[in-house]
């Protein structure tokens, strides 16, 4: 039997219904953030591949810049995972403090700054 996945606003106790939406939002936000970073750094003639390689360097070190597409992909996956975890953390906090749902733009901006 097929399972329908509820939108992010519909709370569900079932973890399988929550995780796909968290992943979709997290990956989407990560890709938008990386695109903005690529646009910003392009004015300084920095190649777009250097951005995810720089993220991979958080774990691998400076050798990430010599790894080519493999370390760029690792950095992309690492960043997507990090943003997905941040999205799930916000959702968990919103279950405790309803102001996070009533004022999502202000609270989300403050969350991002922190």
C-alpha atoms as a PDB file:
ATOM      1  CA  UNK A   1       0.000   0.000   0.000  1.00  0.00           C
ATOM      2  CA  UNK A   2       1.338   3.430  -0.904  1.00  0.00           C
ATOM      3  CA  UNK A   3       2.063   5.917   1.872  1.00  0.00           C
ATOM      4  CA  UNK A   4       1.214   9.565   1.373  1.00  0.00           C
ATOM      5  CA  UNK A   5       3.680  12.062   2.764  1.00  0.00           C
ATOM      6  CA  UNK A   6       2.185  15.035   4.566  1.00  0.00           C
ATOM      7  CA  UNK A   7       3.401  18.570   3.849  1.00  0.00           C
ATOM      8  CA  UNK A   8       5.777  20.150   6.346  1.00  0.00           C
ATOM      9  CA  UNK A   9       2.951  21.993   8.122  1.00  0.00           C
ATOM     10  CA  UNK A  10       1.122  18.767   8.985  1.00  0.00           C
ATOM     11  CA  UNK A  11       2.593  17.293  12.121  1.00  0.00           C
ATOM     12  CA  UNK A  12       2.965  13.564  12.211  1.00  0.00           C
ATOM     13  CA  UNK A  13       4.396  11.318  14.891  1.00  0.00           C
ATOM     14  CA  UNK A  14       5.514   8.921  12.161  1.00  0.00           C
ATOM     15  CA  UNK A  15       9.206   9.572  11.447  1.00  0.00           C
ATOM     16  CA  UNK A  16       8.910   8.212   7.889  1.00  0.00           C
ATOM     17  CA  UNK A  17       6.375  10.931   7.048  1.00  0.00           C
ATOM     18  CA  UNK A  18       8.639  13.699   8.407  1.00  0.00           C
ATOM     19  CA  UNK A  19      12.062  12.785   7.070  1.00  0.00           C
ATOM     20  CA  UNK A  20      11.385  13.123   3.321  1.00  0.00           C
ATOM     21  CA  UNK A  21      10.066  16.675   3.720  1.00  0.00           C
ATOM     22  CA  UNK A  22      12.988  17.621   5.937  1.00  0.00           C
ATOM     23  CA  UNK A  23      15.364  16.209   3.334  1.00  0.00           C
ATOM     24  CA  UNK A  24      13.638  17.996   0.460  1.00  0.00           C
ATOM     25  CA  UNK A  25      13.660  21.350   2.253  1.00  0.00           C
ATOM     26  CA  UNK A  26      17.204  20.858   3.545  1.00  0.00           C
ATOM     27  CA  UNK A  27      18.668  19.928   0.167  1.00  0.00           C
ATOM     28  CA  UNK A  28      16.747  22.723  -1.542  1.00  0.00           C
ATOM     29  CA  UNK A  29      18.003  25.316   0.928  1.00  0.00           C
ATOM     30  CA  UNK A  30      21.557  23.984   0.696  1.00  0.00           C
ATOM     31  CA  UNK A  31      21.533  24.201  -3.111  1.00  0.00           C
ATOM     32  CA  UNK A  32      20.123  27.730  -3.082  1.00  0.00           C
ATOM     33  CA  UNK A  33      22.727  28.787  -0.509  1.00  0.00           C
ATOM     34  CA  UNK A  34      25.545  27.263  -2.570  1.00  0.00           C
ATOM     35  CA  UNK A  35      24.235  28.955  -5.719  1.00  0.00           C
ATOM     36  CA  UNK A  36      24.243  32.328  -3.945  1.00  0.00           C
ATOM     37  CA  UNK A  37      27.763  31.654  -2.693  1.00  0.00           C
ATOM     38  CA  UNK A  38      28.885  30.727  -6.217  1.00  0.00           C
ATOM     39  CA  UNK A  39      27.349  33.924  -7.612  1.00  0.00           C
ATOM     40  CA  UNK A  40      29.048  36.017  -4.925  1.00  0.00           C
ATOM     41  CA  UNK A  41      32.482  34.442  -5.324  1.00  0.00           C
ATOM     42  CA  UNK A  42      32.317  34.556  -9.135  1.00  0.00           C
ATOM     43  CA  UNK A  43      32.973  38.307  -8.967  1.00  0.00           C
ATOM     44  CA  UNK A  44      36.370  37.433  -7.469  1.00  0.00           C
ATOM     45  CA  UNK A  45      36.976  34.875 -10.256  1.00  0.00           C
ATOM     46  CA  UNK A  46      36.635  31.890  -7.918  1.00  0.00           C
ATOM     47  CA  UNK A  47      35.464  28.757  -9.715  1.00  0.00           C
ATOM     48  CA  UNK A  48      32.166  27.324  -8.460  1.00  0.00           C
ATOM     49  CA  UNK A  49      33.767  23.929  -7.757  1.00  0.00           C
ATOM     50  CA  UNK A  50      35.947  25.561  -5.100  1.00  0.00           C
ATOM     51  CA  UNK A  51      32.939  26.236  -2.859  1.00  0.00           C
ATOM     52  CA  UNK A  52      31.983  22.598  -2.138  1.00  0.00           C
ATOM     53  CA  UNK A  53      35.687  21.723  -2.070  1.00  0.00           C
ATOM     54  CA  UNK A  54      36.087  24.342   0.655  1.00  0.00           C
ATOM     55  CA  UNK A  55      33.309  22.662   2.596  1.00  0.00           C
ATOM     56  CA  UNK A  56      35.024  19.294   2.155  1.00  0.00           C
ATOM     57  CA  UNK A  57      38.183  20.912   3.508  1.00  0.00           C
ATOM     58  CA  UNK A  58      36.405  21.260   6.886  1.00  0.00           C
ATOM     59  CA  UNK A  59      36.855  17.488   7.197  1.00  0.00           C
ATOM     60  CA  UNK A  60      39.683  16.540   4.804  1.00  0.00           C
ATOM     61  CA  UNK A  61      41.888  19.591   5.082  1.00  0.00           C
ATOM     62  CA  UNK A  62      43.591  21.578   2.326  1.00  0.00           C
ATOM     63  CA  UNK A  63      43.970  18.460   0.200  1.00  0.00           C
ATOM     64  CA  UNK A  64      40.283  18.781  -0.675  1.00  0.00           C
ATOM     65  CA  UNK A  65      41.181  21.449  -3.233  1.00  0.00           C
ATOM     66  CA  UNK A  66      43.305  18.909  -5.127  1.00  0.00           C
ATOM     67  CA  UNK A  67      40.578  16.226  -5.164  1.00  0.00           C
ATOM     68  CA  UNK A  68      38.590  17.518  -8.111  1.00  0.00           C
ATOM     69  CA  UNK A  69      34.967  16.508  -8.558  1.00  0.00           C
ATOM     70  CA  UNK A  70      35.149  13.771  -5.912  1.00  0.00           C
ATOM     71  CA  UNK A  71      35.885  16.156  -3.058  1.00  0.00           C
ATOM     72  CA  UNK A  72      33.406  18.695  -4.479  1.00  0.00           C
ATOM     73  CA  UNK A  73      30.705  16.015  -4.356  1.00  0.00           C
ATOM     74  CA  UNK A  74      31.729  15.095  -0.813  1.00  0.00           C
ATOM     75  CA  UNK A  75      31.496  18.768   0.203  1.00  0.00           C
ATOM     76  CA  UNK A  76      28.088  19.076  -1.455  1.00  0.00           C
ATOM     77  CA  UNK A  77      26.764  15.998   0.369  1.00  0.00           C
ATOM     78  CA  UNK A  78      28.295  17.158   3.653  1.00  0.00           C
ATOM     79  CA  UNK A  79      26.661  20.572   3.344  1.00  0.00           C
ATOM     80  CA  UNK A  80      23.287  19.109   2.360  1.00  0.00           C
ATOM     81  CA  UNK A  81      23.447  16.828   5.403  1.00  0.00           C
ATOM     82  CA  UNK A  82      24.323  19.744   7.647  1.00  0.00           C
ATOM     83  CA  UNK A  83      21.429  21.862   6.378  1.00  0.00           C
ATOM     84  CA  UNK A  84      19.011  18.904   6.665  1.00  0.00           C
ATOM     85  CA  UNK A  85      20.106  18.456  10.277  1.00  0.00           C
ATOM     86  CA  UNK A  86      19.537  22.170  10.931  1.00  0.00           C
ATOM     87  CA  UNK A  87      16.035  21.911   9.416  1.00  0.00           C
ATOM     88  CA  UNK A  88      15.173  18.942  11.606  1.00  0.00           C
ATOM     89  CA  UNK A  89      16.532  20.737  14.667  1.00  0.00           C
ATOM     90  CA  UNK A  90      14.281  23.728  13.913  1.00  0.00           C
ATOM     91  CA  UNK A  91      11.272  21.404  13.518  1.00  0.00           C
ATOM     92  CA  UNK A  92      12.058  19.730  16.840  1.00  0.00           C
ATOM     93  CA  UNK A  93      12.353  23.112  18.551  1.00  0.00           C
ATOM     94  CA  UNK A  94       9.079  24.263  16.942  1.00  0.00           C
ATOM     95  CA  UNK A  95       7.259  21.378  18.605  1.00  0.00           C
ATOM     96  CA  UNK A  96       8.369  22.769  21.957  1.00  0.00           C
ATOM     97  CA  UNK A  97       8.044  26.514  21.285  1.00  0.00           C
ATOM     98  CA  UNK A  98       5.077  27.411  19.075  1.00  0.00           C
ATOM     99  CA  UNK A  99       6.400  30.937  18.449  1.00  0.00           C
ATOM    100  CA  UNK A 100       8.745  29.331  15.907  1.00  0.00           C
ATOM    101  CA  UNK A 101       5.685  28.397  13.835  1.00  0.00           C
ATOM    102  CA  UNK A 102       3.762  31.629  14.439  1.00  0.00           C
ATOM    103  CA  UNK A 103       6.724  33.865  13.430  1.00  0.00           C
ATOM    104  CA  UNK A 104       8.742  31.654  11.052  1.00  0.00           C
ATOM    105  CA  UNK A 105      10.501  34.450   9.148  1.00  0.00           C
ATOM    106  CA  UNK A 106      11.780  36.304  12.215  1.00  0.00           C
ATOM    107  CA  UNK A 107      12.586  33.154  14.172  1.00  0.00           C
ATOM    108  CA  UNK A 108      14.169  31.486  11.138  1.00  0.00           C
ATOM    109  CA  UNK A 109      16.375  34.510  10.537  1.00  0.00           C
ATOM    110  CA  UNK A 110      17.452  34.554  14.182  1.00  0.00           C
ATOM    111  CA  UNK A 111      18.058  30.792  14.017  1.00  0.00           C
ATOM    112  CA  UNK A 112      20.239  31.298  10.951  1.00  0.00           C
ATOM    113  CA  UNK A 113      22.261  34.026  12.651  1.00  0.00           C
ATOM    114  CA  UNK A 114      22.861  31.796  15.679  1.00  0.00           C
END
